[in-house]
Protein backbone atom coordinates (compact mmCIF):
# COMPACT_ATOMS: atom_id res chain seq x y z
CA UNK A 1 -19.62 39.11 78.05
CA UNK A 2 -16.66 40.16 76.69
CA UNK A 3 -15.73 36.59 75.72
CA UNK A 4 -18.89 36.15 73.94
CA UNK A 5 -18.54 39.16 72.09
CA UNK A 6 -15.12 38.39 71.02
CA UNK A 7 -16.03 34.83 70.18
CA UNK A 8 -18.83 36.44 67.91
CA UNK A 9 -16.39 38.68 66.20
CA UNK A 10 -14.01 35.84 65.50
CA UNK A 11 -16.56 33.75 64.18
CA UNK A 12 -18.01 36.45 62.05
CA UNK A 13 -14.79 37.36 60.63
CA UNK A 14 -13.75 33.78 59.73
CA UNK A 15 -17.27 33.21 58.05
CA UNK A 16 -16.76 36.33 56.04
CA UNK A 17 -13.21 35.51 54.87
CA UNK A 18 -14.04 31.98 54.21
CA UNK A 19 -17.08 32.74 52.24
CA UNK A 20 -14.68 34.97 49.72
CA UNK A 21 -12.41 31.92 48.98
CA UNK A 22 -12.69 30.36 45.59
CA UNK A 23 -12.57 26.63 45.75
CA UNK A 24 -13.61 25.76 42.39
CA UNK A 25 -10.35 26.00 41.00
CA UNK A 26 -7.17 24.81 42.55
CA UNK A 27 -3.72 26.92 42.39
CA UNK A 28 -1.84 24.12 41.03
CA UNK A 29 -3.63 24.17 37.54
CA UNK A 30 -3.28 28.09 36.86
CA UNK A 31 0.29 28.06 35.72
CA UNK A 32 0.75 29.34 32.40
CA UNK A 33 1.50 26.79 29.53
CA UNK A 34 4.12 28.25 27.29
CA UNK A 35 4.05 27.62 23.42
CA UNK A 36 1.09 26.18 21.53
CA UNK A 37 -1.09 23.26 22.67
CA UNK A 38 0.50 19.76 22.68
CA UNK A 39 -1.32 18.24 25.64
CA UNK A 40 -4.86 18.08 24.16
CA UNK A 41 -6.33 16.17 27.03
CA UNK A 42 -5.19 18.78 29.60
CA UNK A 43 -6.48 21.55 27.16
CA UNK A 44 -9.72 19.98 27.01
CA UNK A 45 -10.00 19.24 30.59
CA UNK A 46 -9.40 23.14 30.98
CA UNK A 47 -12.05 24.18 28.57
CA UNK A 48 -14.35 21.76 30.49
CA UNK A 49 -14.09 24.18 33.59
CA UNK A 50 -15.83 27.10 31.04
CA UNK A 51 -12.95 29.61 31.64
CA UNK A 52 -13.55 33.05 30.70
CA UNK A 53 -11.35 34.73 28.01
CA UNK A 54 -9.11 36.38 30.74
CA UNK A 55 -8.68 32.99 32.17
CA UNK A 56 -7.75 31.50 28.70
CA UNK A 57 -5.25 34.13 28.10
CA UNK A 58 -3.54 33.43 31.64
CA UNK A 59 -3.25 29.95 31.26
CA UNK A 60 -2.37 29.71 27.18
CA UNK A 61 -0.59 33.02 26.58
CA UNK A 62 0.85 31.70 23.39
CA UNK A 63 -2.48 30.86 21.89
CA UNK A 64 -4.51 33.14 19.87
CA UNK A 65 -8.07 33.30 20.99
CA UNK A 66 -10.18 34.22 17.98
CA UNK A 67 -13.56 35.59 19.61
CA UNK A 68 -16.45 36.73 17.61
CA UNK A 69 -15.54 39.89 15.94
CA UNK A 70 -11.93 39.59 16.01
CA UNK A 71 -10.38 40.22 12.72
CA UNK A 72 -7.93 37.46 11.62
CA UNK A 73 -6.39 36.00 8.59
CA UNK A 74 -7.90 32.75 7.28
CA UNK A 75 -4.87 30.57 6.62
CA UNK A 76 -5.09 27.08 8.27
CA UNK A 77 -2.91 26.30 11.05
CA UNK A 78 -2.09 22.66 12.08
CA UNK A 79 0.05 23.77 15.32
CA UNK A 80 -2.93 24.41 17.69
CA UNK A 81 -2.00 27.96 17.91
CA UNK A 82 -5.35 29.70 17.30
CA UNK A 83 -8.53 28.57 19.00
CA UNK A 84 -12.04 29.46 17.97
CA UNK A 85 -14.22 29.07 20.92
CA UNK A 86 -18.04 28.65 21.55
CA UNK A 87 -19.34 30.94 24.04
CA UNK A 88 -22.41 30.76 26.49
CA UNK A 89 -24.59 33.63 27.15
CA UNK A 90 -22.26 34.91 29.96
CA UNK A 91 -18.91 34.79 27.71
CA UNK A 92 -17.72 31.62 28.98
CA UNK A 93 -15.94 29.05 26.73
CA UNK A 94 -17.80 26.02 26.38
CA UNK A 95 -16.13 24.37 23.38
CA UNK A 96 -14.56 25.29 20.14
CA UNK A 97 -11.79 23.98 17.81
CA UNK A 98 -8.44 24.94 16.34
CA UNK A 99 -8.13 26.03 12.79
């Protein structure tokens, strides 16, 4: 009886901790990218994951994310340093462009 209870407890603990693990993003691709966007293929692949604004800031800390309602200047930049995202209803970035 004790062995069955212990096995049930261990199984429940394993299921509970395994269910909390996020497997949609690997830890290898979460390193911050310093500077402005130069690898547009990698940037497009990141945007295809539909990140949140927080995930965007964590990955590209030097790129200004201009969200709706953000006050910004109107000058044109050609160095991929300012991104204007398109958001879904949950606030995830689904596309956008540099300006």
